[in-house]
Structure formats: C-alpha cells, structure tokens
Amino acid sequence: RVALGDLLAARAVANDGALPPRLASFLAQQAAEKALKAVIAFAGTDPPRTHNLVALSDELRTHGLAIGDTVDLVWLTDGARSGRYPDAEEPVIERSEVAALLTSSQSILDIVRIHLAANGVDLEGIDPT
C-alpha cells in the first residue's frame, strides 16, 4: 500500500514541471524499496535496514523471488541517492530519465504484486493513501 502511494506520488511530481525531477526519482526508488521489503516482511523476516535495491533483491532470493535482469536496480538505487542528497558530486537527474525510473519502479511493483497474489494475498482494492 505504501509502495503504491509512493509510486503515485512520484508520477504526480514527474508530471508537474514546476517540481524538480530529483524528487520523482527519489520517490520511484522508495516505492521499489518498500515493495521489496514488503515481500521480505510477508515471509516473516525483518527487512534489512538498507536503501540498496541490489541487496534487497539478493535477500529476496532466499524467499523465492528473483527480480532478475529486467530492472537496473543499481540505477534505480542511484536515482534515489541523487534525489536525497543533491550536490555537485551527484549527477543531476534529468526529466527525461525520470520516465525510465518510474517504469523500473512499476516493474518491481508488478513483480511483487504477482508474487504476493500467488501466495494468497488479496491485493484488490488496495487504497494507496
């Protein structure tokens, strides 16, 4: 539910030309992170305290879910770093890049949704607020 809300917020920010794209990239990563951590929690394990999507993906393999190579988890993780800690050392997130980050985040949420549904979780009518 929280992951879906973050993804919806990321889309709203991305569609508002007055807001910086770095905020949308941060929210896109947060949506993916929260979705991955939901699977770990569903399996009865406390999710690790990390924002690193690669590390979370590695943890998910022990719970029967492989994200695979369909999503560039390093890039999505880095997008959040640029959004969270904007400075001269971090590359600027361009508006054109945000769409791809949103697509990657949506892909992760889709994978998680399929996994949870296959394990008996009813996801119909989830309110992201």
Protein backbone atom coordinates (compact mmCIF):
# COMPACT_ATOMS: atom_id res chain seq x y z
CA ARG A 1 0.00 0.00 0.00
CA VAL A 2 2.74 2.47 0.95
CA ALA A 3 4.83 1.49 -2.08
CA LEU A 4 1.90 2.14 -4.38
CA GLY A 5 1.33 5.54 -2.76
CA ASP A 6 4.98 6.47 -3.29
CA LEU A 7 4.78 5.47 -6.94
CA LEU A 8 1.63 7.53 -7.45
CA ALA A 9 3.35 10.50 -5.78
CA ALA A 10 6.42 10.02 -8.00
CA ARG A 11 4.21 10.16 -11.09
CA ALA A 12 2.47 13.30 -9.84
CA VAL A 13 5.80 15.01 -9.18
CA ALA A 14 7.16 13.90 -12.57
CA ASN A 15 4.12 15.37 -14.31
CA ASP A 16 4.47 18.74 -12.56
CA GLY A 17 7.04 20.76 -14.46
CA ALA A 18 7.44 23.12 -11.51
CA LEU A 19 8.87 20.37 -9.30
CA PRO A 20 12.43 19.05 -9.56
CA PRO A 21 12.79 15.66 -11.25
CA ARG A 22 15.12 14.50 -8.43
CA LEU A 23 12.06 14.26 -6.15
CA ALA A 24 10.33 11.90 -8.57
CA SER A 25 13.45 9.75 -8.80
CA PHE A 26 13.66 9.55 -5.01
CA LEU A 27 10.00 8.53 -4.71
CA ALA A 28 10.36 5.96 -7.50
CA GLN A 29 13.21 4.29 -5.61
CA GLN A 30 11.27 4.45 -2.35
CA ALA A 31 8.30 2.72 -3.97
CA ALA A 32 10.54 -0.10 -5.21
CA GLU A 33 12.32 -0.39 -1.86
CA LYS A 34 9.09 -0.59 0.11
CA ALA A 35 7.64 -3.18 -2.26
CA LEU A 36 10.72 -5.40 -1.92
CA LYS A 37 10.72 -5.01 1.85
CA ALA A 38 7.02 -5.97 1.93
CA VAL A 39 7.87 -9.36 0.42
CA ILE A 40 10.61 -9.91 2.99
CA ALA A 41 8.24 -8.95 5.81
CA PHE A 42 5.49 -11.17 4.35
CA ALA A 43 7.94 -14.07 4.56
CA GLY A 44 8.25 -13.44 8.29
CA THR A 45 11.68 -11.81 8.28
CA ASP A 46 12.58 -8.30 9.37
CA PRO A 47 13.72 -6.43 6.25
CA PRO A 48 17.31 -5.22 6.35
CA ARG A 49 17.86 -1.54 7.05
CA THR A 50 19.19 -0.56 3.65
CA HIS A 51 18.15 1.53 0.68
CA ASN A 52 20.21 -0.64 -1.66
CA LEU A 53 17.83 -2.40 -4.03
CA VAL A 54 20.51 -4.87 -5.13
CA ALA A 55 20.97 -6.01 -1.52
CA LEU A 56 17.21 -6.30 -1.08
CA SER A 57 16.94 -8.29 -4.30
CA ASP A 58 19.65 -10.66 -3.04
CA GLU A 59 17.68 -11.13 0.19
CA LEU A 60 14.51 -11.86 -1.80
CA ARG A 61 16.15 -14.84 -3.50
CA THR A 62 16.14 -16.58 -0.11
CA HIS A 63 12.37 -16.04 -0.04
CA GLY A 64 11.72 -17.44 -3.50
CA LEU A 65 11.51 -14.24 -5.52
CA ALA A 66 14.05 -13.30 -8.17
CA ILE A 67 13.81 -9.84 -9.69
CA GLY A 68 16.15 -10.90 -12.47
CA ASP A 69 17.75 -8.63 -15.01
CA THR A 70 14.56 -6.91 -16.09
CA VAL A 71 15.25 -3.86 -13.91
CA ASP A 72 18.50 -1.95 -13.41
CA LEU A 73 18.49 -1.93 -9.61
CA VAL A 74 21.79 -0.07 -9.37
CA TRP A 75 20.48 2.80 -11.47
CA LEU A 76 17.23 2.97 -9.53
CA THR A 77 19.16 2.98 -6.23
CA ASP A 78 21.45 5.73 -7.55
CA GLY A 79 18.44 7.76 -8.63
CA ALA A 80 17.31 7.94 -5.03
CA ARG A 81 20.75 8.99 -3.85
CA SER A 82 20.69 11.92 -6.27
CA GLY A 83 17.22 12.83 -5.07
CA ARG A 84 18.04 12.52 -1.41
CA TYR A 85 21.49 14.12 -1.42
CA PRO A 86 21.64 16.60 -4.29
CA ASP A 87 25.06 18.18 -4.61
CA ALA A 88 27.76 18.88 -7.14
CA GLU A 89 29.20 15.36 -6.80
CA GLU A 90 25.99 13.57 -7.80
CA PRO A 91 24.77 13.61 -11.39
CA VAL A 92 21.65 15.65 -11.98
CA ILE A 93 18.55 13.60 -12.74
CA GLU A 94 17.09 14.83 -15.99
CA ARG A 95 13.36 14.92 -16.57
CA SER A 96 13.86 12.52 -19.50
CA GLU A 97 15.39 9.93 -17.15
CA VAL A 98 12.52 10.03 -14.69
CA ALA A 99 10.13 8.20 -17.02
CA ALA A 100 12.51 5.24 -17.20
CA LEU A 101 12.94 5.24 -13.42
CA LEU A 102 9.17 5.21 -12.99
CA THR A 103 8.89 2.32 -15.43
CA SER A 104 11.54 0.38 -13.50
CA SER A 105 9.78 1.02 -10.21
CA GLN A 106 6.45 -0.03 -11.70
CA SER A 107 8.06 -3.25 -12.96
CA ILE A 108 9.20 -4.07 -9.44
CA LEU A 109 5.76 -3.39 -8.01
CA ASP A 110 4.23 -5.63 -10.70
CA ILE A 111 6.65 -8.47 -9.86
CA VAL A 112 5.89 -8.10 -6.16
CA ARG A 113 2.13 -7.98 -6.78
CA ILE A 114 2.26 -11.21 -8.81
CA HIS A 115 4.38 -12.91 -6.15
CA LEU A 116 2.11 -11.89 -3.28
CA ALA A 117 -1.04 -12.83 -5.18
CA ALA A 118 0.45 -16.24 -5.97
CA ASN A 119 0.98 -16.65 -2.23
CA GLY A 120 -2.64 -15.92 -1.35
CA VAL A 121 -2.51 -12.19 -0.64
CA ASP A 122 -5.64 -10.36 -1.83
CA LEU A 123 -4.43 -7.13 -3.40
CA GLU A 124 -7.69 -5.98 -4.96
CA GLY A 125 -8.91 -2.57 -3.91
CA ILE A 126 -5.76 -1.52 -2.06
CA ASP A 127 -6.00 2.14 -1.10
CA PRO A 128 -2.57 3.76 -1.52
CA THR A 129 -3.34 6.65 0.82
